Every structure is written in C-alpha cells, then in structure tokens.
Amino acid sequence: MKKIGLLSDTHGFLDPKIKKYFSGVDEIWHAGDIGSLEVLDELRAFKPTRAVWGNIDNPKIRQECDEFLRFDIEDVAILMTHIGGKPERYSKPAFSELKKNGSPNLFVCGHSHITLVKMDKHFKMLWMNPGACGYKGFHKVKTILRFCITKDRIHNLELIELGKRV
C-alpha cells in the first residue's frame, strides 16, 4: 500500500499545514503551477515528490519537470499533467496523450482550481483534480487530496480543506 498526497496550483506558496497533512504519505504529487523552485525543493526535501509543470511555471521549473508524467504505483497506471480539462472535455494535448499512449487507470491534473474526482466512463479511468492550495486564483478555499493505492485499488480518498484563500 502507498499513501499519496496530491496538490496543485501552489503558485509559489507552500502552506505549512500541508506538511502536517502529508506527514504520513509515502509520496507527494504536484499537478503543476508550482510557482517557484523553492516550493519544489521544499517538497522534495520533505517527501519523495513527482511533479509536472504548469502554465505559470518558468523555464527552470520546466527543466526539472515534464508536461506529462506517466508512472505506475502498485498495479495502477497514472498519467499526470497540469492542463487536462475534464471528462468529456479534455484539453487537446491531454486528449492526444490519452489517444496516443493509451488511457491510464488514474488521470491527475490541476489548473482549474476546482476540486473534482470523477469516473471517466469513456476512458475507463478515475479522474482527479485536487483544486488549488496557493493564494493566487479565484478559489475560495485551499484544498489538497490524500488517498491510498493498494494493488489495483484507489481508496481512502480524503478531501482536506486548508482554510480560506484570503
């Protein structure tokens, strides 16, 4: 079993509460719009971290991260990107990636600042967006997700509210 902490859209700010909520996870996944190398370095120093770059990320972050990241945890194939769209309305690059290289069991994206977890019946995969946990954007509440992967199961999903964006 692997415990995963999922976040997105930090925009250069890492809320100190994240370390409290992610203290028991095995890995952190950042779904883009990191905002600064310092945020990425702090996450990597805290826990093993996988990250993709987002549309606000500078060339230094883009050298450290990929636009699309494919990997497996236990028996679950994961695809992570920043601008993914949503089921039935994927962004063109995400749709091309899904068509070209096949659909994973779990698709992770950020960008919208709206937390949503949904089954995509067409691609037969679970779609996750953790919302946003930074101070920039239109979201009212900072959110992150925490969940477990055991063999081919994604379970114990928790939505964690960190407080108002202010």
N, C-alpha and C. Protein backbone atom coordinates (compact mmCIF):
# COMPACT_ATOMS: atom_id res chain seq x y z
N MET A 1 0.84 -1.18 0.00
CA MET A 1 0.00 0.00 0.00
C MET A 1 0.89 1.25 0.00
N LYS A 2 0.50 2.20 -0.85
CA LYS A 2 1.18 3.50 -0.89
C LYS A 2 0.18 4.59 -0.53
N LYS A 3 0.61 5.50 0.31
CA LYS A 3 -0.20 6.67 0.67
C LYS A 3 0.30 7.86 -0.15
N ILE A 4 -0.63 8.55 -0.79
CA ILE A 4 -0.30 9.63 -1.71
C ILE A 4 -0.91 10.93 -1.22
N GLY A 5 -0.12 12.00 -1.29
CA GLY A 5 -0.60 13.36 -1.07
C GLY A 5 -0.59 14.08 -2.39
N LEU A 6 -1.74 14.62 -2.79
CA LEU A 6 -1.88 15.27 -4.10
C LEU A 6 -2.24 16.74 -3.92
N LEU A 7 -1.47 17.60 -4.61
CA LEU A 7 -1.75 19.03 -4.56
C LEU A 7 -1.49 19.65 -5.92
N SER A 8 -1.94 20.89 -6.07
CA SER A 8 -1.74 21.61 -7.31
C SER A 8 -1.84 23.11 -7.04
N ASP A 9 -1.33 23.87 -7.99
CA ASP A 9 -1.51 25.32 -8.01
C ASP A 9 -1.07 25.99 -6.70
N THR A 10 0.16 25.71 -6.31
CA THR A 10 0.74 26.40 -5.15
C THR A 10 1.11 27.83 -5.51
N HIS A 11 1.44 28.07 -6.76
CA HIS A 11 1.78 29.42 -7.24
C HIS A 11 2.85 30.09 -6.37
N GLY A 12 3.85 29.32 -5.95
CA GLY A 12 4.96 29.88 -5.19
C GLY A 12 4.78 29.92 -3.69
N PHE A 13 3.64 29.41 -3.19
CA PHE A 13 3.38 29.42 -1.74
C PHE A 13 3.06 28.01 -1.27
N LEU A 14 3.80 27.53 -0.28
CA LEU A 14 3.55 26.21 0.30
C LEU A 14 2.97 26.40 1.70
N ASP A 15 1.70 26.18 1.84
CA ASP A 15 1.02 26.32 3.14
C ASP A 15 1.67 25.36 4.13
N PRO A 16 2.09 25.85 5.30
CA PRO A 16 2.74 24.98 6.29
C PRO A 16 1.87 23.80 6.74
N LYS A 17 0.54 23.93 6.63
CA LYS A 17 -0.36 22.86 7.04
C LYS A 17 -0.19 21.62 6.15
N ILE A 18 0.32 21.81 4.94
CA ILE A 18 0.47 20.69 4.02
C ILE A 18 1.39 19.63 4.62
N LYS A 19 2.45 20.05 5.26
CA LYS A 19 3.38 19.07 5.86
C LYS A 19 2.70 18.28 6.97
N LYS A 20 1.82 18.91 7.71
CA LYS A 20 1.07 18.20 8.75
C LYS A 20 0.19 17.12 8.12
N TYR A 21 -0.56 17.48 7.09
CA TYR A 21 -1.48 16.54 6.47
C TYR A 21 -0.77 15.48 5.63
N PHE A 22 0.42 15.80 5.13
CA PHE A 22 1.16 14.85 4.31
C PHE A 22 2.28 14.14 5.10
N SER A 23 2.30 14.28 6.40
CA SER A 23 3.37 13.66 7.19
C SER A 23 3.38 12.14 7.07
N GLY A 24 2.23 11.52 6.87
CA GLY A 24 2.15 10.07 6.78
C GLY A 24 2.13 9.51 5.38
N VAL A 25 2.30 10.35 4.36
CA VAL A 25 2.25 9.84 2.99
C VAL A 25 3.61 9.30 2.57
N ASP A 26 3.58 8.43 1.57
CA ASP A 26 4.81 7.89 1.01
C ASP A 26 5.35 8.77 -0.11
N GLU A 27 4.45 9.42 -0.84
CA GLU A 27 4.83 10.29 -1.96
C GLU A 27 3.91 11.49 -2.02
N ILE A 28 4.45 12.58 -2.56
CA ILE A 28 3.66 13.77 -2.88
C ILE A 28 3.66 13.92 -4.39
N TRP A 29 2.48 14.23 -4.95
CA TRP A 29 2.35 14.52 -6.37
C TRP A 29 1.89 15.96 -6.50
N HIS A 30 2.59 16.74 -7.31
CA HIS A 30 2.22 18.14 -7.57
C HIS A 30 1.79 18.24 -9.03
N ALA A 31 0.52 18.64 -9.24
CA ALA A 31 -0.06 18.68 -10.58
C ALA A 31 0.09 20.04 -11.25
N GLY A 32 1.21 20.71 -11.01
CA GLY A 32 1.57 21.89 -11.78
C GLY A 32 1.18 23.23 -11.20
N ASP A 33 1.69 24.28 -11.87
CA ASP A 33 1.68 25.66 -11.36
C ASP A 33 2.33 25.69 -9.98
N ILE A 34 3.57 25.20 -9.97
CA ILE A 34 4.38 25.15 -8.76
C ILE A 34 4.73 26.56 -8.32
N GLY A 35 5.20 27.37 -9.26
CA GLY A 35 5.42 28.79 -8.99
C GLY A 35 6.85 29.16 -8.63
N SER A 36 7.58 28.26 -8.01
CA SER A 36 8.98 28.56 -7.68
C SER A 36 9.72 27.25 -7.42
N LEU A 37 11.02 27.27 -7.72
CA LEU A 37 11.84 26.10 -7.43
C LEU A 37 11.93 25.85 -5.93
N GLU A 38 11.82 26.90 -5.14
CA GLU A 38 11.88 26.75 -3.68
C GLU A 38 10.76 25.84 -3.18
N VAL A 39 9.55 26.00 -3.73
CA VAL A 39 8.43 25.14 -3.33
C VAL A 39 8.74 23.69 -3.70
N LEU A 40 9.21 23.47 -4.91
CA LEU A 40 9.55 22.11 -5.35
C LEU A 40 10.67 21.52 -4.49
N ASP A 41 11.69 22.31 -4.22
CA ASP A 41 12.81 21.84 -3.38
C ASP A 41 12.34 21.50 -1.97
N GLU A 42 11.45 22.32 -1.41
CA GLU A 42 10.95 22.07 -0.05
C GLU A 42 10.13 20.78 -0.01
N LEU A 43 9.30 20.55 -1.02
CA LEU A 43 8.54 19.31 -1.08
C LEU A 43 9.46 18.11 -1.21
N ARG A 44 10.46 18.21 -2.10
CA ARG A 44 11.39 17.11 -2.31
C ARG A 44 12.22 16.80 -1.07
N ALA A 45 12.55 17.81 -0.30
CA ALA A 45 13.30 17.60 0.94
C ALA A 45 12.43 16.93 2.01
N PHE A 46 11.11 17.11 1.91
CA PHE A 46 10.16 16.58 2.88
C PHE A 46 9.77 15.13 2.57
N LYS A 47 9.42 14.86 1.31
CA LYS A 47 8.97 13.53 0.89
C LYS A 47 9.35 13.32 -0.58
N PRO A 48 9.44 12.07 -1.03
CA PRO A 48 9.62 11.84 -2.46
C PRO A 48 8.47 12.53 -3.22
N THR A 49 8.83 13.28 -4.25
CA THR A 49 7.85 14.12 -4.94
C THR A 49 7.93 13.92 -6.44
N ARG A 50 6.76 13.78 -7.05
CA ARG A 50 6.64 13.74 -8.50
C ARG A 50 5.87 15.01 -8.89
N ALA A 51 6.29 15.68 -9.95
CA ALA A 51 5.64 16.94 -10.32
C ALA A 51 5.67 17.15 -11.82
N VAL A 52 4.67 17.86 -12.30
CA VAL A 52 4.61 18.32 -13.69
C VAL A 52 4.59 19.84 -13.68
N TRP A 53 5.03 20.44 -14.77
CA TRP A 53 5.00 21.90 -14.83
C TRP A 53 3.62 22.38 -15.29
N GLY A 54 3.31 23.62 -14.88
CA GLY A 54 2.05 24.23 -15.27
C GLY A 54 2.29 25.46 -16.12
N ASN A 55 1.23 26.08 -16.54
CA ASN A 55 1.32 27.21 -17.46
C ASN A 55 2.01 28.44 -16.88
N ILE A 56 2.07 28.60 -15.56
CA ILE A 56 2.76 29.76 -14.98
C ILE A 56 4.22 29.45 -14.64
N ASP A 57 4.63 28.21 -14.80
CA ASP A 57 5.97 27.82 -14.37
C ASP A 57 7.05 28.26 -15.36
N ASN A 58 8.15 28.74 -14.79
CA ASN A 58 9.24 29.32 -15.58
C ASN A 58 10.13 28.21 -16.18
N PRO A 59 11.08 28.61 -17.05
CA PRO A 59 11.95 27.61 -17.70
C PRO A 59 12.74 26.75 -16.71
N LYS A 60 13.12 27.27 -15.56
CA LYS A 60 13.86 26.45 -14.59
C LYS A 60 13.00 25.29 -14.09
N ILE A 61 11.74 25.57 -13.79
CA ILE A 61 10.84 24.51 -13.34
C ILE A 61 10.56 23.54 -14.49
N ARG A 62 10.43 24.06 -15.69
CA ARG A 62 10.18 23.20 -16.85
C ARG A 62 11.37 22.29 -17.16
N GLN A 63 12.57 22.70 -16.75
CA GLN A 63 13.73 21.81 -16.88
C GLN A 63 13.69 20.69 -15.85
N GLU A 64 13.10 20.96 -14.69
CA GLU A 64 13.02 19.99 -13.60
C GLU A 64 11.86 19.00 -13.76
N CYS A 65 10.82 19.43 -14.47
CA CYS A 65 9.58 18.65 -14.56
C CYS A 65 9.16 18.48 -16.01
N ASP A 66 8.31 17.50 -16.26
CA ASP A 66 7.76 17.26 -17.59
C ASP A 66 6.34 17.81 -17.69
N GLU A 67 5.85 17.95 -18.92
CA GLU A 67 4.46 18.35 -19.12
C GLU A 67 3.52 17.19 -18.79
N PHE A 68 3.90 15.98 -19.21
CA PHE A 68 3.15 14.76 -18.92
C PHE A 68 4.07 13.81 -18.17
N LEU A 69 3.53 13.18 -17.16
CA LEU A 69 4.29 12.20 -16.38
C LEU A 69 3.47 10.93 -16.30
N ARG A 70 4.04 9.84 -16.81
CA ARG A 70 3.40 8.52 -16.72
C ARG A 70 4.23 7.64 -15.80
N PHE A 71 3.56 6.97 -14.88
CA PHE A 71 4.25 6.07 -13.97
C PHE A 71 3.24 5.09 -13.37
N ASP A 72 3.74 4.05 -12.74
CA ASP A 72 2.89 3.05 -12.09
C ASP A 72 3.18 3.04 -10.60
N ILE A 73 2.12 2.89 -9.83
CA ILE A 73 2.22 2.65 -8.39
C ILE A 73 1.41 1.38 -8.15
N GLU A 74 2.06 0.39 -7.56
CA GLU A 74 1.45 -0.92 -7.40
C GLU A 74 0.95 -1.35 -8.77
N ASP A 75 -0.36 -1.64 -8.92
CA ASP A 75 -0.91 -2.07 -10.21
C ASP A 75 -1.76 -0.97 -10.85
N VAL A 76 -1.51 0.28 -10.51
CA VAL A 76 -2.27 1.41 -11.05
C VAL A 76 -1.36 2.23 -11.96
N ALA A 77 -1.80 2.41 -13.21
CA ALA A 77 -1.08 3.25 -14.17
C ALA A 77 -1.62 4.68 -14.04
N ILE A 78 -0.70 5.64 -13.90
CA ILE A 78 -1.07 7.03 -13.65
C ILE A 78 -0.55 7.91 -14.78
N LEU A 79 -1.35 8.89 -15.16
CA LEU A 79 -0.94 9.95 -16.07
C LEU A 79 -1.24 11.26 -15.37
N MET A 80 -0.21 12.12 -15.27
CA MET A 80 -0.38 13.41 -14.61
C MET A 80 0.06 14.52 -15.56
N THR A 81 -0.73 15.59 -15.61
CA THR A 81 -0.41 16.79 -16.36
C THR A 81 -1.09 17.97 -15.66
N HIS A 82 -0.77 19.18 -16.07
CA HIS A 82 -1.40 20.32 -15.41
C HIS A 82 -2.74 20.67 -16.06
N ILE A 83 -2.72 21.00 -17.34
CA ILE A 83 -3.96 21.39 -18.02
C ILE A 83 -4.53 20.16 -18.70
N GLY A 84 -5.50 19.55 -18.04
CA GLY A 84 -6.07 18.31 -18.55
C GLY A 84 -7.49 18.44 -19.04
N GLY A 85 -8.16 19.53 -18.68
CA GLY A 85 -9.58 19.61 -18.97
C GLY A 85 -10.32 18.73 -17.99
N LYS A 86 -11.44 18.19 -18.43
CA LYS A 86 -12.18 17.27 -17.57
C LYS A 86 -12.86 16.22 -18.43
N PRO A 87 -13.37 15.15 -17.80
CA PRO A 87 -14.00 14.10 -18.60
C PRO A 87 -15.03 14.68 -19.58
N GLU A 88 -14.99 14.17 -20.77
CA GLU A 88 -15.77 14.60 -21.93
C GLU A 88 -15.30 15.91 -22.54
N ARG A 89 -14.38 16.63 -21.88
CA ARG A 89 -13.89 17.91 -22.41
C ARG A 89 -12.40 18.08 -22.10
N TYR A 90 -11.59 17.15 -22.55
CA TYR A 90 -10.16 17.22 -22.29
C TYR A 90 -9.50 18.31 -23.12
N SER A 91 -8.40 18.84 -22.62
CA SER A 91 -7.60 19.76 -23.42
C SER A 91 -7.06 18.98 -24.62
N LYS A 92 -6.73 19.67 -25.69
CA LYS A 92 -6.23 18.98 -26.89
C LYS A 92 -4.95 18.19 -26.60
N PRO A 93 -3.96 18.78 -25.88
CA PRO A 93 -2.75 17.98 -25.60
C PRO A 93 -3.04 16.75 -24.73
N ALA A 94 -3.91 16.89 -23.73
CA ALA A 94 -4.23 15.74 -22.87
C ALA A 94 -4.98 14.67 -23.67
N PHE A 95 -5.92 15.08 -24.50
CA PHE A 95 -6.67 14.12 -25.31
C PHE A 95 -5.72 13.38 -26.27
N SER A 96 -4.80 14.13 -26.88
CA SER A 96 -3.81 13.49 -27.77
C SER A 96 -2.97 12.47 -27.02
N GLU A 97 -2.53 12.83 -25.81
CA GLU A 97 -1.72 11.92 -25.00
C GLU A 97 -2.51 10.67 -24.64
N LEU A 98 -3.77 10.82 -24.30
CA LEU A 98 -4.62 9.67 -23.97
C LEU A 98 -4.83 8.78 -25.19
N LYS A 99 -5.05 9.37 -26.35
CA LYS A 99 -5.28 8.59 -27.57
C LYS A 99 -3.99 7.91 -28.04
N LYS A 100 -2.88 8.65 -27.96
CA LYS A 100 -1.60 8.17 -28.49
C LYS A 100 -1.01 7.05 -27.64
N ASN A 101 -1.03 7.22 -26.33
CA ASN A 101 -0.33 6.29 -25.45
C ASN A 101 -1.26 5.48 -24.55
N GLY A 102 -2.55 5.56 -24.78
CA GLY A 102 -3.49 4.75 -24.01
C GLY A 102 -3.90 5.41 -22.71
N SER A 103 -5.06 5.02 -22.25
CA SER A 103 -5.57 5.62 -21.02
C SER A 103 -5.02 4.89 -19.80
N PRO A 104 -4.71 5.63 -18.76
CA PRO A 104 -4.23 5.04 -17.51
C PRO A 104 -5.43 4.61 -16.66
N ASN A 105 -5.16 4.12 -15.47
CA ASN A 105 -6.23 3.85 -14.51
C ASN A 105 -6.61 5.13 -13.76
N LEU A 106 -5.63 6.04 -13.63
CA LEU A 106 -5.83 7.29 -12.89
C LEU A 106 -5.23 8.44 -13.68
N PHE A 107 -6.06 9.46 -13.93
CA PHE A 107 -5.63 10.67 -14.62
C PHE A 107 -5.67 11.80 -13.60
N VAL A 108 -4.53 12.51 -13.44
CA VAL A 108 -4.41 13.59 -12.46
C VAL A 108 -4.08 14.88 -13.18
N CYS A 109 -4.80 15.94 -12.83
CA CYS A 109 -4.49 17.26 -13.40
C CYS A 109 -4.79 18.34 -12.37
N GLY A 110 -4.45 19.57 -12.72
CA GLY A 110 -4.71 20.73 -11.88
C GLY A 110 -5.36 21.80 -12.72
N HIS A 111 -4.90 23.03 -12.57
CA HIS A 111 -5.23 24.19 -13.40
C HIS A 111 -6.57 24.85 -13.11
N SER A 112 -7.63 24.10 -12.93
CA SER A 112 -8.96 24.70 -12.82
C SER A 112 -9.21 25.37 -11.47
N HIS A 113 -8.42 25.03 -10.45
CA HIS A 113 -8.61 25.50 -9.07
C HIS A 113 -9.92 24.97 -8.48
N ILE A 114 -10.51 23.97 -9.11
CA ILE A 114 -11.76 23.37 -8.64
C ILE A 114 -11.50 21.90 -8.32
N THR A 115 -11.74 21.51 -7.08
CA THR A 115 -11.56 20.12 -6.69
C THR A 115 -12.66 19.26 -7.31
N LEU A 116 -12.25 18.17 -7.94
CA LEU A 116 -13.23 17.27 -8.53
C LEU A 116 -12.58 15.90 -8.69
N VAL A 117 -13.32 14.87 -8.34
CA VAL A 117 -12.92 13.48 -8.57
C VAL A 117 -14.09 12.81 -9.26
N LYS A 118 -13.82 12.17 -10.40
CA LYS A 118 -14.91 11.64 -11.21
C LYS A 118 -14.42 10.45 -12.04
N MET A 119 -15.31 9.50 -12.25
CA MET A 119 -15.00 8.39 -13.17
C MET A 119 -15.23 8.87 -14.59
N ASP A 120 -14.30 8.57 -15.47
CA ASP A 120 -14.47 8.82 -16.89
C ASP A 120 -14.86 7.49 -17.53
N LYS A 121 -16.12 7.37 -17.92
CA LYS A 121 -16.63 6.12 -18.46
C LYS A 121 -16.04 5.81 -19.83
N HIS A 122 -15.77 6.85 -20.63
CA HIS A 122 -15.23 6.63 -21.97
C HIS A 122 -13.84 5.99 -21.91
N PHE A 123 -12.94 6.58 -21.08
CA PHE A 123 -11.58 6.07 -20.97
C PHE A 123 -11.42 5.03 -19.86
N LYS A 124 -12.49 4.80 -19.11
CA LYS A 124 -12.48 3.81 -18.02
C LYS A 124 -11.34 4.09 -17.03
N MET A 125 -11.32 5.34 -16.55
CA MET A 125 -10.28 5.75 -15.60
C MET A 125 -10.87 6.71 -14.58
N LEU A 126 -10.22 6.78 -13.44
CA LEU A 126 -10.58 7.76 -12.42
C LEU A 126 -9.85 9.05 -12.72
N TRP A 127 -10.55 10.16 -12.66
CA TRP A 127 -10.01 11.49 -12.96
C TRP A 127 -9.99 12.28 -11.66
N MET A 128 -8.83 12.89 -11.31
CA MET A 128 -8.70 13.66 -10.07
C MET A 128 -8.09 15.03 -10.33
N ASN A 129 -8.65 16.03 -9.70
CA ASN A 129 -8.07 17.37 -9.64
C ASN A 129 -8.18 17.82 -8.18
N PRO A 130 -7.04 18.10 -7.53
CA PRO A 130 -7.08 18.45 -6.11
C PRO A 130 -7.51 19.88 -5.81
N GLY A 131 -7.81 20.67 -6.84
CA GLY A 131 -8.12 22.08 -6.61
C GLY A 131 -6.82 22.86 -6.50
N ALA A 132 -6.83 23.90 -5.70
CA ALA A 132 -5.64 24.75 -5.56
C ALA A 132 -5.34 24.96 -4.09
N CYS A 133 -4.04 25.02 -3.77
CA CYS A 133 -3.66 25.22 -2.36
C CYS A 133 -2.78 26.45 -2.16
N GLY A 134 -2.69 27.30 -3.17
CA GLY A 134 -1.96 28.56 -3.04
C GLY A 134 -2.92 29.71 -2.81
N TYR A 135 -2.38 30.92 -2.81
CA TYR A 135 -3.20 32.11 -2.57
C TYR A 135 -3.66 32.80 -3.84
N LYS A 136 -3.10 32.44 -4.99
CA LYS A 136 -3.47 33.10 -6.23
C LYS A 136 -4.56 32.31 -6.94
N GLY A 137 -5.55 33.03 -7.48
CA GLY A 137 -6.63 32.37 -8.21
C GLY A 137 -7.97 32.78 -7.66
N PHE A 138 -9.01 32.17 -8.19
CA PHE A 138 -10.37 32.54 -7.80
C PHE A 138 -10.98 31.61 -6.75
N HIS A 139 -10.30 30.52 -6.42
CA HIS A 139 -10.86 29.59 -5.43
C HIS A 139 -11.02 30.29 -4.09
N LYS A 140 -11.99 29.87 -3.32
CA LYS A 140 -12.24 30.49 -2.01
C LYS A 140 -11.56 29.72 -0.88
N VAL A 141 -11.40 28.40 -1.07
CA VAL A 141 -10.81 27.54 -0.04
C VAL A 141 -9.64 26.78 -0.65
N LYS A 142 -8.52 26.71 0.06
CA LYS A 142 -7.34 25.95 -0.38
C LYS A 142 -7.59 24.47 -0.08
N THR A 143 -7.36 23.60 -1.09
CA THR A 143 -7.65 22.18 -0.94
C THR A 143 -6.50 21.31 -1.42
N ILE A 144 -6.42 20.13 -0.84
CA ILE A 144 -5.49 19.07 -1.23
C ILE A 144 -6.24 17.74 -1.12
N LEU A 145 -5.69 16.69 -1.71
CA LEU A 145 -6.27 15.35 -1.61
C LEU A 145 -5.23 14.40 -1.01
N ARG A 146 -5.74 13.40 -0.33
CA ARG A 146 -4.90 12.35 0.22
C ARG A 146 -5.63 11.03 -0.02
N PHE A 147 -4.89 9.99 -0.47
CA PHE A 147 -5.53 8.72 -0.76
C PHE A 147 -4.49 7.60 -0.72
N CYS A 148 -4.98 6.37 -0.85
CA CYS A 148 -4.11 5.20 -0.85
C CYS A 148 -4.27 4.42 -2.15
N ILE A 149 -3.20 3.74 -2.52
CA ILE A 149 -3.23 2.81 -3.65
C ILE A 149 -2.73 1.46 -3.12
N THR A 150 -3.58 0.45 -3.28
CA THR A 150 -3.22 -0.92 -2.89
C THR A 150 -3.53 -1.83 -4.07
N LYS A 151 -2.49 -2.43 -4.61
CA LYS A 151 -2.62 -3.26 -5.81
C LYS A 151 -3.30 -2.45 -6.89
N ASP A 152 -4.54 -2.81 -7.30
CA ASP A 152 -5.22 -2.06 -8.35
C ASP A 152 -6.33 -1.16 -7.81
N ARG A 153 -6.36 -0.97 -6.50
CA ARG A 153 -7.41 -0.17 -5.85
C ARG A 153 -6.91 1.22 -5.44
N ILE A 154 -7.73 2.22 -5.70
CA ILE A 154 -7.51 3.58 -5.21
C ILE A 154 -8.58 3.78 -4.14
N HIS A 155 -8.17 4.04 -2.91
CA HIS A 155 -9.14 4.04 -1.81
C HIS A 155 -8.74 5.04 -0.72
N ASN A 156 -9.63 5.16 0.26
CA ASN A 156 -9.44 6.07 1.40
C ASN A 156 -9.18 7.50 0.95
N LEU A 157 -9.89 7.94 -0.07
CA LEU A 157 -9.73 9.29 -0.60
C LEU A 157 -10.27 10.31 0.40
N GLU A 158 -9.46 11.33 0.69
CA GLU A 158 -9.86 12.40 1.60
C GLU A 158 -9.65 13.75 0.92
N LEU A 159 -10.64 14.61 1.01
CA LEU A 159 -10.52 16.00 0.60
C LEU A 159 -10.19 16.78 1.87
N ILE A 160 -9.09 17.52 1.84
CA ILE A 160 -8.65 18.29 3.01
C ILE A 160 -8.72 19.77 2.66
N GLU A 161 -9.44 20.52 3.47
CA GLU A 161 -9.52 21.97 3.31
C GLU A 161 -8.50 22.61 4.24
N LEU A 162 -7.63 23.44 3.68
CA LEU A 162 -6.56 24.08 4.45
C LEU A 162 -6.98 25.43 5.01
N GLY A 163 -8.11 25.94 4.59
CA GLY A 163 -8.60 27.23 5.04
C GLY A 163 -8.88 28.14 3.87
N LYS A 164 -9.33 29.33 4.18
CA LYS A 164 -9.69 30.28 3.13
C LYS A 164 -8.45 30.79 2.41
N ARG A 165 -8.65 31.12 1.14
CA ARG A 165 -7.56 31.60 0.30
C ARG A 165 -7.05 32.95 0.81
N VAL A 166 -7.90 33.79 1.23
CA VAL A 166 -7.62 35.14 1.74
C VAL A 166 -6.82 35.98 0.77
